[in-house]
Amino acid sequence: MRQPKIDLAKKTITITKTFYNATLDNTSDEFNTLLQLTESYPTYRVLVSSGSRSSRRNDHKGLTINFMRKFVYNLDRANLSLFNETYDYYALGFGYEGLDLYQHMKDWFLETYPDYKDMIVDCAPDRAA
């Protein structure tokens, strides 16, 4: 089990959720460790982290609104006016449903061009042998 992490700059004591659950038993070593830490650092906040990091990769890294606009302009100019109309629609605040402008545009783009990476590869010039 990971030991608590003390951050002097942020004045925090970070423990994992597993460690926290163990502290619920006041006879456990974890309870005594946390008690000693909170006595030693009385002004520090105790934070509980999940202890695990998301392993989900961002398959659409670099997919900005500017990239989407350039993509449509260069590879599907017939849809450029639709892209601009969609952008303007969400930029004016219509249809937000709790999502921000970028998320709406990303959803529209991925729905319209689910294979956009393949389209980029297909139109790339071949290297000279």
N, C-alpha and C. Protein backbone atom coordinates (compact mmCIF):
# COMPACT_ATOMS: atom_id res chain seq x y z
N MET A 1 0.86 -1.18 0.00
CA MET A 1 0.00 0.00 0.00
C MET A 1 0.90 1.24 0.00
N ARG A 2 0.54 2.21 -0.84
CA ARG A 2 1.34 3.44 -0.94
C ARG A 2 1.19 4.26 0.33
N GLN A 3 2.30 4.84 0.72
CA GLN A 3 2.31 5.70 1.89
C GLN A 3 1.79 7.08 1.51
N PRO A 4 1.31 7.83 2.47
CA PRO A 4 0.84 9.19 2.18
C PRO A 4 1.95 10.06 1.58
N LYS A 5 1.56 10.96 0.72
CA LYS A 5 2.50 11.87 0.08
C LYS A 5 2.28 13.25 0.69
N ILE A 6 3.36 13.83 1.17
CA ILE A 6 3.28 15.15 1.79
C ILE A 6 3.85 16.17 0.81
N ASP A 7 3.05 17.17 0.48
CA ASP A 7 3.48 18.24 -0.41
C ASP A 7 3.62 19.52 0.41
N LEU A 8 4.88 19.90 0.65
CA LEU A 8 5.14 21.06 1.50
C LEU A 8 4.70 22.36 0.84
N ALA A 9 4.82 22.45 -0.47
CA ALA A 9 4.45 23.68 -1.18
C ALA A 9 2.94 23.90 -1.16
N LYS A 10 2.19 22.84 -1.38
CA LYS A 10 0.73 22.96 -1.42
C LYS A 10 0.07 22.76 -0.06
N LYS A 11 0.88 22.34 0.90
CA LYS A 11 0.40 22.06 2.25
C LYS A 11 -0.73 21.03 2.24
N THR A 12 -0.42 19.88 1.61
CA THR A 12 -1.39 18.80 1.51
C THR A 12 -0.77 17.48 1.91
N ILE A 13 -1.60 16.59 2.38
CA ILE A 13 -1.23 15.20 2.62
C ILE A 13 -2.16 14.38 1.72
N THR A 14 -1.59 13.68 0.76
CA THR A 14 -2.41 12.93 -0.20
C THR A 14 -2.31 11.45 0.13
N ILE A 15 -3.48 10.82 0.27
CA ILE A 15 -3.54 9.39 0.52
C ILE A 15 -4.41 8.75 -0.56
N THR A 16 -4.17 7.46 -0.79
CA THR A 16 -4.98 6.75 -1.78
C THR A 16 -6.31 6.35 -1.15
N LYS A 17 -7.24 6.00 -1.98
CA LYS A 17 -8.55 5.57 -1.48
C LYS A 17 -8.42 4.30 -0.65
N THR A 18 -7.53 3.40 -1.05
CA THR A 18 -7.29 2.17 -0.29
C THR A 18 -6.76 2.50 1.09
N PHE A 19 -5.82 3.44 1.15
CA PHE A 19 -5.26 3.87 2.44
C PHE A 19 -6.36 4.49 3.30
N TYR A 20 -7.17 5.32 2.67
CA TYR A 20 -8.28 5.96 3.40
C TYR A 20 -9.22 4.91 4.00
N ASN A 21 -9.59 3.92 3.19
CA ASN A 21 -10.49 2.88 3.67
C ASN A 21 -9.89 2.12 4.85
N ALA A 22 -8.57 1.94 4.83
CA ALA A 22 -7.91 1.27 5.94
C ALA A 22 -7.92 2.13 7.20
N THR A 23 -7.94 3.46 7.04
CA THR A 23 -7.95 4.34 8.22
C THR A 23 -9.29 4.33 8.94
N LEU A 24 -10.31 3.79 8.31
CA LEU A 24 -11.62 3.73 8.95
C LEU A 24 -11.63 2.79 10.16
N ASP A 25 -10.65 1.90 10.20
CA ASP A 25 -10.47 1.03 11.36
C ASP A 25 -9.46 1.72 12.28
N ASN A 26 -9.92 2.20 13.44
CA ASN A 26 -9.03 3.00 14.30
C ASN A 26 -7.96 2.18 15.02
N THR A 27 -7.89 0.88 14.73
CA THR A 27 -6.81 0.07 15.29
C THR A 27 -5.75 -0.24 14.23
N SER A 28 -5.93 0.26 13.04
CA SER A 28 -5.00 -0.07 11.95
C SER A 28 -3.76 0.81 11.98
N ASP A 29 -2.71 0.31 11.33
CA ASP A 29 -1.47 1.09 11.20
C ASP A 29 -1.71 2.34 10.37
N GLU A 30 -2.57 2.25 9.37
CA GLU A 30 -2.87 3.40 8.53
C GLU A 30 -3.54 4.51 9.32
N PHE A 31 -4.45 4.14 10.21
CA PHE A 31 -5.10 5.13 11.07
C PHE A 31 -4.06 5.86 11.92
N ASN A 32 -3.15 5.08 12.54
CA ASN A 32 -2.12 5.67 13.38
C ASN A 32 -1.16 6.56 12.57
N THR A 33 -0.82 6.13 11.36
CA THR A 33 0.06 6.93 10.50
C THR A 33 -0.60 8.25 10.15
N LEU A 34 -1.87 8.20 9.76
CA LEU A 34 -2.57 9.43 9.40
C LEU A 34 -2.74 10.33 10.61
N LEU A 35 -3.00 9.76 11.75
CA LEU A 35 -3.13 10.54 12.99
C LEU A 35 -1.82 11.26 13.30
N GLN A 36 -0.70 10.57 13.18
CA GLN A 36 0.61 11.20 13.42
C GLN A 36 0.87 12.33 12.42
N LEU A 37 0.52 12.09 11.15
CA LEU A 37 0.75 13.12 10.13
C LEU A 37 -0.10 14.36 10.39
N THR A 38 -1.36 14.16 10.74
CA THR A 38 -2.22 15.32 10.98
C THR A 38 -1.83 16.07 12.25
N GLU A 39 -1.23 15.37 13.19
CA GLU A 39 -0.71 16.06 14.39
C GLU A 39 0.58 16.82 14.05
N SER A 40 1.41 16.23 13.19
CA SER A 40 2.66 16.88 12.80
C SER A 40 2.42 18.06 11.86
N TYR A 41 1.39 17.97 11.04
CA TYR A 41 1.06 19.01 10.06
C TYR A 41 -0.40 19.44 10.26
N PRO A 42 -0.69 20.15 11.32
CA PRO A 42 -2.09 20.46 11.64
C PRO A 42 -2.79 21.38 10.63
N THR A 43 -2.04 22.17 9.88
CA THR A 43 -2.67 23.09 8.92
C THR A 43 -2.81 22.49 7.52
N TYR A 44 -2.30 21.27 7.34
CA TYR A 44 -2.33 20.65 6.02
C TYR A 44 -3.68 20.01 5.76
N ARG A 45 -4.12 20.06 4.49
CA ARG A 45 -5.36 19.41 4.09
C ARG A 45 -5.06 17.96 3.70
N VAL A 46 -5.97 17.06 4.01
CA VAL A 46 -5.82 15.66 3.62
C VAL A 46 -6.67 15.45 2.37
N LEU A 47 -6.02 14.98 1.31
CA LEU A 47 -6.69 14.72 0.04
C LEU A 47 -6.69 13.23 -0.23
N VAL A 48 -7.78 12.74 -0.77
CA VAL A 48 -7.89 11.32 -1.12
C VAL A 48 -7.88 11.21 -2.63
N SER A 49 -6.89 10.48 -3.15
CA SER A 49 -6.84 10.26 -4.60
C SER A 49 -7.27 8.84 -4.89
N SER A 50 -7.65 8.59 -6.12
CA SER A 50 -8.10 7.25 -6.49
C SER A 50 -6.94 6.28 -6.54
N GLY A 51 -5.72 6.81 -6.69
CA GLY A 51 -4.56 5.94 -6.73
C GLY A 51 -4.28 5.35 -8.09
N SER A 52 -5.18 5.53 -9.02
CA SER A 52 -4.95 5.01 -10.36
C SER A 52 -5.13 6.13 -11.36
N ARG A 53 -4.37 6.03 -12.40
CA ARG A 53 -4.47 7.03 -13.46
C ARG A 53 -5.20 6.43 -14.64
N SER A 54 -5.84 7.28 -15.36
CA SER A 54 -6.58 6.82 -16.52
C SER A 54 -5.61 6.30 -17.57
N SER A 55 -5.89 5.12 -18.06
CA SER A 55 -5.04 4.56 -19.10
C SER A 55 -5.62 4.84 -20.48
N ARG A 56 -6.68 5.62 -20.52
CA ARG A 56 -7.33 5.93 -21.78
C ARG A 56 -6.45 6.88 -22.58
N ARG A 57 -6.14 6.47 -23.78
CA ARG A 57 -5.33 7.32 -24.65
C ARG A 57 -6.22 8.34 -25.33
N ASN A 58 -5.62 9.46 -25.65
CA ASN A 58 -6.35 10.48 -26.38
C ASN A 58 -6.07 10.26 -27.87
N ASP A 59 -6.97 9.55 -28.52
CA ASP A 59 -6.79 9.23 -29.94
C ASP A 59 -6.93 10.45 -30.84
N HIS A 60 -7.46 11.52 -30.31
CA HIS A 60 -7.70 12.71 -31.13
C HIS A 60 -6.86 13.89 -30.65
N LYS A 61 -5.67 13.60 -30.15
CA LYS A 61 -4.79 14.66 -29.69
C LYS A 61 -4.45 15.59 -30.85
N GLY A 62 -4.52 16.87 -30.60
CA GLY A 62 -4.23 17.85 -31.63
C GLY A 62 -5.44 18.23 -32.46
N LEU A 63 -6.58 17.67 -32.13
CA LEU A 63 -7.80 17.96 -32.88
C LEU A 63 -8.41 19.25 -32.32
N THR A 64 -7.96 20.36 -32.86
CA THR A 64 -8.45 21.66 -32.45
C THR A 64 -9.47 22.16 -33.47
N ILE A 65 -10.18 23.20 -33.13
CA ILE A 65 -11.13 23.79 -34.08
C ILE A 65 -10.39 24.30 -35.31
N ASN A 66 -9.22 24.87 -35.09
CA ASN A 66 -8.42 25.37 -36.21
C ASN A 66 -8.00 24.21 -37.13
N PHE A 67 -7.59 23.08 -36.54
CA PHE A 67 -7.24 21.91 -37.35
C PHE A 67 -8.45 21.43 -38.14
N MET A 68 -9.62 21.35 -37.48
CA MET A 68 -10.83 20.90 -38.17
C MET A 68 -11.16 21.79 -39.34
N ARG A 69 -11.05 23.11 -39.14
CA ARG A 69 -11.35 24.06 -40.21
C ARG A 69 -10.39 23.86 -41.38
N LYS A 70 -9.10 23.72 -41.10
CA LYS A 70 -8.12 23.52 -42.17
C LYS A 70 -8.36 22.19 -42.89
N PHE A 71 -8.72 21.17 -42.13
CA PHE A 71 -9.01 19.86 -42.72
C PHE A 71 -10.15 19.97 -43.72
N VAL A 72 -11.25 20.57 -43.29
CA VAL A 72 -12.42 20.71 -44.16
C VAL A 72 -12.07 21.57 -45.36
N TYR A 73 -11.33 22.65 -45.15
CA TYR A 73 -10.96 23.55 -46.24
C TYR A 73 -10.11 22.82 -47.27
N ASN A 74 -9.17 22.01 -46.82
CA ASN A 74 -8.24 21.36 -47.74
C ASN A 74 -8.73 20.05 -48.33
N LEU A 75 -9.54 19.29 -47.58
CA LEU A 75 -9.91 17.96 -48.05
C LEU A 75 -11.38 17.79 -48.41
N ASP A 76 -12.23 18.72 -48.00
CA ASP A 76 -13.65 18.58 -48.31
C ASP A 76 -14.29 19.97 -48.37
N ARG A 77 -13.78 20.78 -49.29
CA ARG A 77 -14.20 22.18 -49.37
C ARG A 77 -15.71 22.33 -49.57
N ALA A 78 -16.37 21.30 -50.10
CA ALA A 78 -17.82 21.37 -50.29
C ALA A 78 -18.55 21.48 -48.95
N ASN A 79 -17.94 21.00 -47.88
CA ASN A 79 -18.55 21.05 -46.56
C ASN A 79 -18.09 22.26 -45.73
N LEU A 80 -17.29 23.13 -46.31
CA LEU A 80 -16.77 24.27 -45.55
C LEU A 80 -17.89 25.19 -45.06
N SER A 81 -18.88 25.45 -45.91
CA SER A 81 -19.97 26.32 -45.46
C SER A 81 -20.77 25.65 -44.35
N LEU A 82 -20.94 24.33 -44.42
CA LEU A 82 -21.64 23.61 -43.35
C LEU A 82 -20.83 23.67 -42.05
N PHE A 83 -19.53 23.52 -42.16
CA PHE A 83 -18.67 23.64 -40.97
C PHE A 83 -18.84 25.03 -40.35
N ASN A 84 -18.77 26.07 -41.16
CA ASN A 84 -18.89 27.44 -40.65
C ASN A 84 -20.26 27.70 -40.05
N GLU A 85 -21.31 27.18 -40.67
CA GLU A 85 -22.67 27.34 -40.13
C GLU A 85 -22.80 26.63 -38.79
N THR A 86 -22.23 25.42 -38.70
CA THR A 86 -22.27 24.67 -37.44
C THR A 86 -21.51 25.42 -36.36
N TYR A 87 -20.35 25.93 -36.71
CA TYR A 87 -19.54 26.69 -35.75
C TYR A 87 -20.31 27.91 -35.26
N ASP A 88 -20.89 28.66 -36.19
CA ASP A 88 -21.64 29.86 -35.81
C ASP A 88 -22.84 29.52 -34.93
N TYR A 89 -23.52 28.44 -35.25
CA TYR A 89 -24.68 28.01 -34.48
C TYR A 89 -24.30 27.77 -33.01
N TYR A 90 -23.23 27.01 -32.79
CA TYR A 90 -22.82 26.71 -31.41
C TYR A 90 -22.10 27.90 -30.76
N ALA A 91 -21.42 28.71 -31.55
CA ALA A 91 -20.73 29.88 -30.99
C ALA A 91 -21.73 30.89 -30.44
N LEU A 92 -22.91 30.94 -31.02
CA LEU A 92 -23.95 31.86 -30.55
C LEU A 92 -24.69 31.31 -29.33
N GLY A 93 -24.39 30.08 -28.94
CA GLY A 93 -24.97 29.52 -27.73
C GLY A 93 -26.17 28.64 -27.93
N PHE A 94 -26.50 28.31 -29.15
CA PHE A 94 -27.64 27.43 -29.38
C PHE A 94 -27.23 25.98 -29.15
N GLY A 95 -28.15 25.18 -28.65
CA GLY A 95 -27.93 23.74 -28.52
C GLY A 95 -26.82 23.33 -27.59
N TYR A 96 -26.55 24.10 -26.56
CA TYR A 96 -25.39 23.80 -25.74
C TYR A 96 -25.51 22.52 -24.93
N GLU A 97 -26.63 22.24 -24.31
CA GLU A 97 -26.86 20.99 -23.57
C GLU A 97 -25.70 20.66 -22.64
N GLY A 98 -25.08 21.66 -22.03
CA GLY A 98 -24.00 21.42 -21.08
C GLY A 98 -22.64 21.23 -21.71
N LEU A 99 -22.55 21.20 -23.03
CA LEU A 99 -21.27 21.03 -23.70
C LEU A 99 -20.74 22.38 -24.14
N ASP A 100 -19.43 22.48 -24.24
CA ASP A 100 -18.86 23.73 -24.73
C ASP A 100 -18.73 23.69 -26.25
N LEU A 101 -18.37 24.81 -26.81
CA LEU A 101 -18.26 24.96 -28.27
C LEU A 101 -17.33 23.90 -28.86
N TYR A 102 -16.16 23.74 -28.25
CA TYR A 102 -15.20 22.77 -28.77
C TYR A 102 -15.78 21.37 -28.81
N GLN A 103 -16.45 20.96 -27.74
CA GLN A 103 -16.98 19.60 -27.68
C GLN A 103 -18.04 19.38 -28.76
N HIS A 104 -18.89 20.37 -28.99
CA HIS A 104 -19.89 20.26 -30.07
C HIS A 104 -19.21 20.13 -31.43
N MET A 105 -18.21 20.96 -31.66
CA MET A 105 -17.52 20.91 -32.95
C MET A 105 -16.77 19.60 -33.12
N LYS A 106 -16.16 19.11 -32.06
CA LYS A 106 -15.46 17.84 -32.12
C LYS A 106 -16.44 16.71 -32.43
N ASP A 107 -17.59 16.71 -31.75
CA ASP A 107 -18.60 15.68 -32.02
C ASP A 107 -19.07 15.73 -33.47
N TRP A 108 -19.33 16.95 -33.96
CA TRP A 108 -19.77 17.10 -35.35
C TRP A 108 -18.68 16.59 -36.30
N PHE A 109 -17.45 16.98 -36.06
CA PHE A 109 -16.35 16.61 -36.93
C PHE A 109 -16.15 15.10 -36.96
N LEU A 110 -16.15 14.46 -35.79
CA LEU A 110 -15.93 13.01 -35.73
C LEU A 110 -17.10 12.24 -36.32
N GLU A 111 -18.29 12.80 -36.23
CA GLU A 111 -19.45 12.16 -36.85
C GLU A 111 -19.38 12.29 -38.37
N THR A 112 -18.92 13.44 -38.84
CA THR A 112 -18.84 13.70 -40.27
C THR A 112 -17.63 13.01 -40.90
N TYR A 113 -16.51 12.98 -40.18
CA TYR A 113 -15.26 12.41 -40.69
C TYR A 113 -14.71 11.38 -39.70
N PRO A 114 -15.36 10.24 -39.53
CA PRO A 114 -14.86 9.27 -38.55
C PRO A 114 -13.48 8.72 -38.91
N ASP A 115 -13.14 8.73 -40.20
CA ASP A 115 -11.85 8.21 -40.65
C ASP A 115 -10.95 9.34 -41.14
N TYR A 116 -10.96 10.46 -40.43
CA TYR A 116 -10.21 11.63 -40.91
C TYR A 116 -8.71 11.35 -40.99
N LYS A 117 -8.18 10.50 -40.13
CA LYS A 117 -6.75 10.19 -40.18
C LYS A 117 -6.40 9.44 -41.46
N ASP A 118 -7.27 8.51 -41.83
CA ASP A 118 -7.05 7.77 -43.07
C ASP A 118 -7.16 8.69 -44.29
N MET A 119 -8.06 9.65 -44.23
CA MET A 119 -8.21 10.59 -45.33
C MET A 119 -6.93 11.41 -45.52
N ILE A 120 -6.30 11.78 -44.41
CA ILE A 120 -5.05 12.54 -44.48
C ILE A 120 -3.96 11.69 -45.12
N VAL A 121 -3.86 10.43 -44.70
CA VAL A 121 -2.85 9.53 -45.24
C VAL A 121 -3.08 9.29 -46.74
N ASP A 122 -4.34 9.12 -47.11
CA ASP A 122 -4.67 8.84 -48.51
C ASP A 122 -4.32 9.99 -49.43
N CYS A 123 -4.42 11.21 -48.96
CA CYS A 123 -4.13 12.34 -49.84
C CYS A 123 -2.68 12.82 -49.76
N ALA A 124 -1.89 12.21 -48.89
CA ALA A 124 -0.49 12.63 -48.77
C ALA A 124 0.27 12.23 -50.02
N PRO A 125 1.17 13.09 -50.49
CA PRO A 125 1.93 12.75 -51.70
C PRO A 125 2.88 11.58 -51.41
N ASP A 126 3.06 10.74 -52.43
CA ASP A 126 3.96 9.61 -52.28
C ASP A 126 5.40 10.08 -52.34
N ARG A 127 6.24 9.42 -51.61
CA ARG A 127 7.67 9.75 -51.63
C ARG A 127 8.31 9.23 -52.91
N ALA A 128 9.27 9.95 -53.38
CA ALA A 128 9.99 9.51 -54.57
C ALA A 128 10.91 8.36 -54.17
N ALA A 129 10.97 7.35 -55.01
CA ALA A 129 11.76 6.16 -54.68
C ALA A 129 13.23 6.41 -54.87
